[in-house]
Structure formats: C-alpha cells, structure tokens
Amino acid sequence: MRKILPLFIAVCALLAVVLQLDLMLDKSAQAFTETAIRFFSFFTILTNSLVAGYFLYISDKILRQKNRQPYNRSTLTAITVYITIVGLVYQLLLRHMWQPTGLQKIVDEMLHSLNPALVIIYWLLNRKACVLKYSQIGFWLIYPLAYLAYVLIRGHFSGFYPYPFLDVTSIGMQGVIVNSIGMTVLFIVISMLFVWGARLSVKKTDTGR
C-alpha cells in the first residue's frame, strides 16, 4: 500500500486540478490568460498542484527503487501542513458559501476533502521516520507568506482577490491584516502539531526498543 498510495495521491491531485481548470475555463468570461492567472491565484489549486508534483516525484523514486526513504522529512511535513490548511479553511470558512453540483461538486470534494485526507494518511504511515524540529516551521511559512504577498499585490492592481477573507475592497486592509494574522497563527499551530506528533512517534519507537 505504501508503494501504491503516493501514485494514487498524485493522480487524484492532478486529476482534480485539471478538471477544475476545465470547469473554470468553460464558465469564465475572462480571456484565457486572465482566467489562467486567476486559476493559479487560489491557494487550493497551487497546493494541490504541489501535492501532485511532489507525490509524482516520490512515486518515481519508489518505482526506480533508488532508496528506501524517497522523501525529505521536512518537505513531506510542510506539504502535509499546507494541504491540511486547505481542507480546514474550506470546511470551516468557505463550504457554506456555495453549493456546487454535478462534476463541480465531485472536483470540489477532491480538492478540499479527499486529497487532504490522503496526504495526511500518507504522513501518518511515515511519521516514525519524520525527525523534525520546531525551528523548521519558520522555513515552512515562506510559501504561505509569499502567496499572501502575491495575492495582495496583484489584487491591488487587478481588483481580483481569490478569497473573501483577503478581499481588501470588501473588508478593508485592516480586516485583511487581522485575517492574515489569524491564518498565520493557524499555520504555526498546525505545523507545531505535526512536529509534535512526529517527535512523539519517534520517542515512542525509541522507548520500545
């Protein structure tokens, strides 16, 4: 299962991203270039794309049997944190805001529920090998903070903000700052939980020897 799961995760993530792009292009009134830029302005899409690429890499390593541990412990946990945030934010803040149907509903669940769950399961199966430090969390924050900066800068010039809690035109800069601080705290807390879980697992393994 541990050999098949990475490829399954990669396929699910890639399929969800491709289907969502097709759905967005079909419904968009914007030019293709603008639609594509807006599509990749969603943290959900970027993170699921990251999941697809990373687990394709892991699958290739496993198939080639280059080594017994085909992943970087810190990178695996960081990606797990990112996709966990995707799932949590959607379930807590965004799910009630729309009611997709048909294929859109299926893709929506893949992006925000199935894929996060699969990545978390993979991490849990491999957490005993994840010797992590709390100091690594600062490095993991680079991606979400860079994303935040990009969204706010582009939104200032284009007027497009992918998420309502980052929409300066609707809630003002003060509201966005408050929400951004809250999201940053959430990232840190979730990251700390994963580091704690990995360290606890390693500690139990060592104690049992």
C-alpha atoms as a PDB file:
ATOM      1  CA  MET A   1       0.000   0.000   0.000  1.00  0.00           C
ATOM      2  CA  ARG A   2       2.818   2.420   0.827  1.00  0.00           C
ATOM      3  CA  LYS A   3       4.158   1.976  -2.703  1.00  0.00           C
ATOM      4  CA  ILE A   4       0.792   2.452  -4.413  1.00  0.00           C
ATOM      5  CA  LEU A   5      -0.545   5.290  -2.225  1.00  0.00           C
ATOM      6  CA  PRO A   6       1.894   8.025  -3.438  1.00  0.00           C
ATOM      7  CA  LEU A   7       0.949   7.408  -7.072  1.00  0.00           C
ATOM      8  CA  PHE A   8      -2.752   7.339  -6.197  1.00  0.00           C
ATOM      9  CA  ILE A   9      -2.393  10.667  -4.354  1.00  0.00           C
ATOM     10  CA  ALA A  10      -0.542  12.208  -7.300  1.00  0.00           C
ATOM     11  CA  VAL A  11      -3.200  11.053  -9.782  1.00  0.00           C
ATOM     12  CA  CYS A  12      -6.071  12.317  -7.595  1.00  0.00           C
ATOM     13  CA  ALA A  13      -4.454  15.718  -7.101  1.00  0.00           C
ATOM     14  CA  LEU A  14      -3.527  16.131 -10.762  1.00  0.00           C
ATOM     15  CA  LEU A  15      -6.943  14.995 -11.958  1.00  0.00           C
ATOM     16  CA  ALA A  16      -8.715  17.395  -9.605  1.00  0.00           C
ATOM     17  CA  VAL A  17      -6.599  20.349 -10.754  1.00  0.00           C
ATOM     18  CA  VAL A  18      -7.058  19.568 -14.458  1.00  0.00           C
ATOM     19  CA  LEU A  19     -10.816  19.076 -14.108  1.00  0.00           C
ATOM     20  CA  GLN A  20     -11.162  22.294 -12.104  1.00  0.00           C
ATOM     21  CA  LEU A  21      -9.237  24.214 -14.769  1.00  0.00           C
ATOM     22  CA  ASP A  22     -11.511  22.833 -17.476  1.00  0.00           C
ATOM     23  CA  LEU A  23     -14.602  23.807 -15.470  1.00  0.00           C
ATOM     24  CA  MET A  24     -13.277  27.301 -14.831  1.00  0.00           C
ATOM     25  CA  LEU A  25     -12.327  27.862 -18.477  1.00  0.00           C
ATOM     26  CA  ASP A  26     -15.781  26.706 -19.549  1.00  0.00           C
ATOM     27  CA  LYS A  27     -17.552  29.172 -17.256  1.00  0.00           C
ATOM     28  CA  SER A  28     -15.164  32.122 -17.366  1.00  0.00           C
ATOM     29  CA  ALA A  29     -15.990  35.329 -19.204  1.00  0.00           C
ATOM     30  CA  GLN A  30     -12.365  36.463 -18.954  1.00  0.00           C
ATOM     31  CA  ALA A  31      -9.653  35.986 -21.570  1.00  0.00           C
ATOM     32  CA  PHE A  32      -7.695  32.731 -21.345  1.00  0.00           C
ATOM     33  CA  THR A  33      -4.585  34.377 -19.898  1.00  0.00           C
ATOM     34  CA  GLU A  34      -6.505  36.193 -17.164  1.00  0.00           C
ATOM     35  CA  THR A  35      -8.521  33.069 -16.365  1.00  0.00           C
ATOM     36  CA  ALA A  36      -5.331  31.006 -16.053  1.00  0.00           C
ATOM     37  CA  ILE A  37      -3.728  33.620 -13.789  1.00  0.00           C
ATOM     38  CA  ARG A  38      -6.803  33.744 -11.581  1.00  0.00           C
ATOM     39  CA  PHE A  39      -6.962  29.952 -11.510  1.00  0.00           C
ATOM     40  CA  PHE A  40      -3.431  29.687 -10.153  1.00  0.00           C
ATOM     41  CA  SER A  41      -4.132  32.502  -7.705  1.00  0.00           C
ATOM     42  CA  PHE A  42      -6.056  30.095  -5.487  1.00  0.00           C
ATOM     43  CA  PHE A  43      -4.066  28.564  -2.645  1.00  0.00           C
ATOM     44  CA  THR A  44      -6.125  25.405  -3.107  1.00  0.00           C
ATOM     45  CA  ILE A  45      -5.010  25.000  -6.718  1.00  0.00           C
ATOM     46  CA  LEU A  46      -1.372  25.836  -6.043  1.00  0.00           C
ATOM     47  CA  THR A  47      -1.203  23.436  -3.121  1.00  0.00           C
ATOM     48  CA  ASN A  48      -2.947  20.568  -4.905  1.00  0.00           C
ATOM     49  CA  SER A  49      -0.552  21.129  -7.824  1.00  0.00           C
ATOM     50  CA  LEU A  50       2.324  20.981  -5.355  1.00  0.00           C
ATOM     51  CA  VAL A  51       0.934  17.736  -3.952  1.00  0.00           C
ATOM     52  CA  ALA A  52       0.641  16.257  -7.451  1.00  0.00           C
ATOM     53  CA  GLY A  53       4.217  17.163  -8.372  1.00  0.00           C
ATOM     54  CA  TYR A  54       5.726  16.030  -5.082  1.00  0.00           C
ATOM     55  CA  PHE A  55       3.964  12.675  -4.977  1.00  0.00           C
ATOM     56  CA  LEU A  56       4.791  12.005  -8.627  1.00  0.00           C
ATOM     57  CA  TYR A  57       8.406  12.549  -7.608  1.00  0.00           C
ATOM     58  CA  ILE A  58       8.038  10.134  -4.681  1.00  0.00           C
ATOM     59  CA  SER A  59       6.353   7.551  -6.918  1.00  0.00           C
ATOM     60  CA  ASP A  60       9.188   7.777  -9.438  1.00  0.00           C
ATOM     61  CA  LYS A  61      11.733   7.249  -6.664  1.00  0.00           C
ATOM     62  CA  ILE A  62       9.861   4.212  -5.372  1.00  0.00           C
ATOM     63  CA  LEU A  63       9.436   2.659  -8.827  1.00  0.00           C
ATOM     64  CA  ARG A  64      13.124   3.119  -9.568  1.00  0.00           C
ATOM     65  CA  GLN A  65      13.938   1.774  -6.094  1.00  0.00           C
ATOM     66  CA  LYS A  66      16.631   4.402  -5.647  1.00  0.00           C
ATOM     67  CA  ASN A  67      16.345   4.374  -1.887  1.00  0.00           C
ATOM     68  CA  ARG A  68      14.148   3.173   0.952  1.00  0.00           C
ATOM     69  CA  GLN A  69      13.108   6.677   2.013  1.00  0.00           C
ATOM     70  CA  PRO A  70      12.138   8.586  -1.156  1.00  0.00           C
ATOM     71  CA  TYR A  71      11.214  11.841   0.551  1.00  0.00           C
ATOM     72  CA  ASN A  72      12.627  14.666   2.589  1.00  0.00           C
ATOM     73  CA  ARG A  73      11.084  14.576   6.066  1.00  0.00           C
ATOM     74  CA  SER A  74      10.721  18.332   6.350  1.00  0.00           C
ATOM     75  CA  THR A  75       9.297  18.736   2.840  1.00  0.00           C
ATOM     76  CA  LEU A  76       6.745  15.958   3.320  1.00  0.00           C
ATOM     77  CA  THR A  77       5.511  17.506   6.555  1.00  0.00           C
ATOM     78  CA  ALA A  78       5.398  21.026   5.109  1.00  0.00           C
ATOM     79  CA  ILE A  79       3.265  19.859   2.185  1.00  0.00           C
ATOM     80  CA  THR A  80       1.033  17.947   4.586  1.00  0.00           C
ATOM     81  CA  VAL A  81       0.576  21.130   6.631  1.00  0.00           C
ATOM     82  CA  TYR A  82      -0.311  23.134   3.512  1.00  0.00           C
ATOM     83  CA  ILE A  83      -2.927  20.700   2.240  1.00  0.00           C
ATOM     84  CA  THR A  84      -4.323  20.296   5.760  1.00  0.00           C
ATOM     85  CA  ILE A  85      -4.848  24.065   5.877  1.00  0.00           C
ATOM     86  CA  VAL A  86      -6.619  23.854   2.510  1.00  0.00           C
ATOM     87  CA  GLY A  87      -9.054  21.340   3.953  1.00  0.00           C
ATOM     88  CA  LEU A  88      -9.578  23.106   7.277  1.00  0.00           C
ATOM     89  CA  VAL A  89     -10.152  26.581   5.843  1.00  0.00           C
ATOM     90  CA  TYR A  90     -12.614  25.257   3.308  1.00  0.00           C
ATOM     91  CA  GLN A  91     -14.586  23.197   5.801  1.00  0.00           C
ATOM     92  CA  LEU A  92     -14.701  25.971   8.415  1.00  0.00           C
ATOM     93  CA  LEU A  93     -14.950  29.159   6.355  1.00  0.00           C
ATOM     94  CA  LEU A  94     -15.875  28.524   2.750  1.00  0.00           C
ATOM     95  CA  ARG A  95     -18.072  25.443   2.406  1.00  0.00           C
ATOM     96  CA  HIS A  96     -21.253  27.284   3.411  1.00  0.00           C
ATOM     97  CA  MET A  97     -20.682  29.992   0.800  1.00  0.00           C
ATOM     98  CA  TRP A  98     -21.683  27.923  -2.220  1.00  0.00           C
ATOM     99  CA  GLN A  99     -23.433  24.690  -3.162  1.00  0.00           C
ATOM    100  CA  PRO A 100     -21.723  23.106  -6.191  1.00  0.00           C
ATOM    101  CA  THR A 101     -23.484  20.365  -8.115  1.00  0.00           C
ATOM    102  CA  GLY A 102     -22.574  17.656 -10.583  1.00  0.00           C
ATOM    103  CA  LEU A 103     -18.957  17.357 -11.645  1.00  0.00           C
ATOM    104  CA  GLN A 104     -18.084  20.585  -9.826  1.00  0.00           C
ATOM    105  CA  LYS A 105     -19.175  19.033  -6.529  1.00  0.00           C
ATOM    106  CA  ILE A 106     -17.010  15.964  -7.133  1.00  0.00           C
ATOM    107  CA  VAL A 107     -13.972  18.056  -8.022  1.00  0.00           C
ATOM    108  CA  ASP A 108     -14.626  20.337  -5.070  1.00  0.00           C
ATOM    109  CA  GLU A 109     -14.594  17.398  -2.672  1.00  0.00           C
ATOM    110  CA  MET A 110     -11.424  16.021  -4.232  1.00  0.00           C
ATOM    111  CA  LEU A 111      -9.580  19.314  -3.860  1.00  0.00           C
ATOM    112  CA  HIS A 112     -10.714  20.108  -0.329  1.00  0.00           C
ATOM    113  CA  SER A 113     -11.545  16.786   1.336  1.00  0.00           C
ATOM    114  CA  LEU A 114     -10.197  13.680  -0.400  1.00  0.00           C
ATOM    115  CA  ASN A 115      -6.719  14.933  -1.272  1.00  0.00           C
ATOM    116  CA  PRO A 116      -6.023  16.456   2.163  1.00  0.00           C
ATOM    117  CA  ALA A 117      -7.182  13.215   3.809  1.00  0.00           C
ATOM    118  CA  LEU A 118      -4.967  11.070   1.564  1.00  0.00           C
ATOM    119  CA  VAL A 119      -1.862  13.173   2.224  1.00  0.00           C
ATOM    120  CA  ILE A 120      -2.494  13.116   5.982  1.00  0.00           C
ATOM    121  CA  ILE A 121      -2.874   9.327   5.857  1.00  0.00           C
ATOM    122  CA  TYR A 122       0.429   9.022   3.987  1.00  0.00           C
ATOM    123  CA  TRP A 123       2.142  11.243   6.550  1.00  0.00           C
ATOM    124  CA  LEU A 124       0.725   9.175   9.407  1.00  0.00           C
ATOM    125  CA  LEU A 125       2.037   5.986   7.808  1.00  0.00           C
ATOM    126  CA  ASN A 126       5.501   7.532   7.586  1.00  0.00           C
ATOM    127  CA  ARG A 127       5.606   9.765  10.656  1.00  0.00           C
ATOM    128  CA  LYS A 128       8.007   7.496  12.534  1.00  0.00           C
ATOM    129  CA  ALA A 129      10.689   8.446  10.023  1.00  0.00           C
ATOM    130  CA  CYS A 130       9.982  12.182  10.398  1.00  0.00           C
ATOM    131  CA  VAL A 131      12.554  13.502  12.859  1.00  0.00           C
ATOM    132  CA  LEU A 132      11.573  17.160  12.906  1.00  0.00           C
ATOM    133  CA  LYS A 133      12.467  20.361  14.731  1.00  0.00           C
ATOM    134  CA  TYR A 134      10.169  23.229  15.680  1.00  0.00           C
ATOM    135  CA  SER A 135      12.717  25.615  14.159  1.00  0.00           C
ATOM    136  CA  GLN A 136      11.800  24.279  10.700  1.00  0.00           C
ATOM    137  CA  ILE A 137       8.362  25.878  10.923  1.00  0.00           C
ATOM    138  CA  GLY A 138       9.774  29.291  10.057  1.00  0.00           C
ATOM    139  CA  PHE A 139      11.018  27.903   6.736  1.00  0.00           C
ATOM    140  CA  TRP A 140       7.640  26.268   6.028  1.00  0.00           C
ATOM    141  CA  LEU A 141       5.944  29.663   6.397  1.00  0.00           C
ATOM    142  CA  ILE A 142       7.785  31.100   3.386  1.00  0.00           C
ATOM    143  CA  TYR A 143       5.301  29.576   0.922  1.00  0.00           C
ATOM    144  CA  PRO A 144       2.046  30.854   2.504  1.00  0.00           C
ATOM    145  CA  LEU A 145       3.553  34.279   3.257  1.00  0.00           C
ATOM    146  CA  ALA A 146       4.839  34.603  -0.307  1.00  0.00           C
ATOM    147  CA  TYR A 147       1.388  33.606  -1.530  1.00  0.00           C
ATOM    148  CA  LEU A 148      -0.224  36.267   0.671  1.00  0.00           C
ATOM    149  CA  ALA A 149       2.120  38.941  -0.669  1.00  0.00           C
ATOM    150  CA  TYR A 150       1.375  37.904  -4.259  1.00  0.00           C
ATOM    151  CA  VAL A 151      -2.411  37.954  -3.763  1.00  0.00           C
ATOM    152  CA  LEU A 152      -2.398  41.386  -2.144  1.00  0.00           C
ATOM    153  CA  ILE A 153      -0.044  42.942  -4.703  1.00  0.00           C
ATOM    154  CA  ARG A 154      -1.864  41.539  -7.707  1.00  0.00           C
ATOM    155  CA  GLY A 155      -5.237  42.269  -6.153  1.00  0.00           C
ATOM    156  CA  HIS A 156      -4.249  45.905  -5.695  1.00  0.00           C
ATOM    157  CA  PHE A 157      -3.732  46.263  -9.447  1.00  0.00           C
ATOM    158  CA  SER A 158      -6.333  43.815 -10.805  1.00  0.00           C
ATOM    159  CA  GLY A 159      -9.096  44.097  -8.207  1.00  0.00           C
ATOM    160  CA  PHE A 160      -9.295  40.287  -8.011  1.00  0.00           C
ATOM    161  CA  TYR A 161      -8.913  38.569  -4.651  1.00  0.00           C
ATOM    162  CA  PRO A 162      -9.407  34.777  -4.667  1.00  0.00           C
ATOM    163  CA  TYR A 163     -10.806  34.562  -1.125  1.00  0.00           C
ATOM    164  CA  PRO A 164     -13.322  36.774   0.703  1.00  0.00           C
ATOM    165  CA  PHE A 165     -11.157  36.975   3.837  1.00  0.00           C
ATOM    166  CA  LEU A 166      -8.388  38.535   1.714  1.00  0.00           C
ATOM    167  CA  ASP A 167     -10.617  40.882  -0.277  1.00  0.00           C
ATOM    168  CA  VAL A 168      -9.362  44.392   0.538  1.00  0.00           C
ATOM    169  CA  THR A 169     -12.162  46.014  -1.473  1.00  0.00           C
ATOM    170  CA  SER A 170     -14.828  44.333   0.686  1.00  0.00           C
ATOM    171  CA  ILE A 171     -13.399  44.192   4.197  1.00  0.00           C
ATOM    172  CA  GLY A 172     -10.618  46.789   4.012  1.00  0.00           C
ATOM    173  CA  MET A 173      -6.911  46.443   4.646  1.00  0.00           C
ATOM    174  CA  GLN A 174      -7.385  46.325   8.414  1.00  0.00           C
ATOM    175  CA  GLY A 175      -9.714  43.362   8.081  1.00  0.00           C
ATOM    176  CA  VAL A 176      -7.277  41.605   5.761  1.00  0.00           C
ATOM    177  CA  ILE A 177      -4.410  42.187   8.184  1.00  0.00           C
ATOM    178  CA  VAL A 178      -6.409  40.712  11.054  1.00  0.00           C
ATOM    179  CA  ASN A 179      -7.384  37.694   8.937  1.00  0.00           C
ATOM    180  CA  SER A 180      -3.805  37.253   7.733  1.00  0.00           C
ATOM    181  CA  ILE A 181      -2.501  37.234  11.284  1.00  0.00           C
ATOM    182  CA  GLY A 182      -5.149  34.678  12.194  1.00  0.00           C
ATOM    183  CA  MET A 183      -4.202  32.479   9.241  1.00  0.00           C
ATOM    184  CA  THR A 184      -0.515  32.739  10.119  1.00  0.00           C
ATOM    185  CA  VAL A 185      -1.254  31.652  13.672  1.00  0.00           C
ATOM    186  CA  LEU A 186      -3.273  28.728  12.303  1.00  0.00           C
ATOM    187  CA  PHE A 187      -0.342  27.700  10.108  1.00  0.00           C
ATOM    188  CA  ILE A 188       2.012  27.809  13.073  1.00  0.00           C
ATOM    189  CA  VAL A 189      -0.336  25.848  15.353  1.00  0.00           C
ATOM    190  CA  ILE A 190      -0.984  23.139  12.749  1.00  0.00           C
ATOM    191  CA  SER A 191       2.741  22.934  11.992  1.00  0.00           C
ATOM    192  CA  MET A 192       3.553  22.568  15.686  1.00  0.00           C
ATOM    193  CA  LEU A 193       1.004  19.764  15.996  1.00  0.00           C
ATOM    194  CA  PHE A 194       2.625  17.842  13.144  1.00  0.00           C
ATOM    195  CA  VAL A 195       6.124  18.344  14.559  1.00  0.00           C
ATOM    196  CA  TRP A 196       4.893  17.265  17.988  1.00  0.00           C
ATOM    197  CA  GLY A 197       3.193  14.206  16.504  1.00  0.00           C
ATOM    198  CA  ALA A 198       6.312  13.172  14.609  1.00  0.00           C
ATOM    199  CA  ARG A 199       8.589  13.662  17.609  1.00  0.00           C
ATOM    200  CA  LEU A 200       6.191  11.775  19.877  1.00  0.00           C
ATOM    201  CA  SER A 201       6.083   8.875  17.442  1.00  0.00           C
ATOM    202  CA  VAL A 202       9.886   8.723  17.250  1.00  0.00           C
ATOM    203  CA  LYS A 203      10.145   8.916  21.026  1.00  0.00           C
ATOM    204  CA  LYS A 204       7.716   6.011  21.451  1.00  0.00           C
ATOM    205  CA  THR A 205       9.666   3.963  18.913  1.00  0.00           C
ATOM    206  CA  ASP A 206      12.939   4.585  20.746  1.00  0.00           C
ATOM    207  CA  THR A 207      11.335   3.758  24.103  1.00  0.00           C
ATOM    208  CA  GLY A 208      10.007   0.495  22.760  1.00  0.00           C
ATOM    209  CA  ARG A 209      13.426  -0.731  21.668  1.00  0.00           C
END
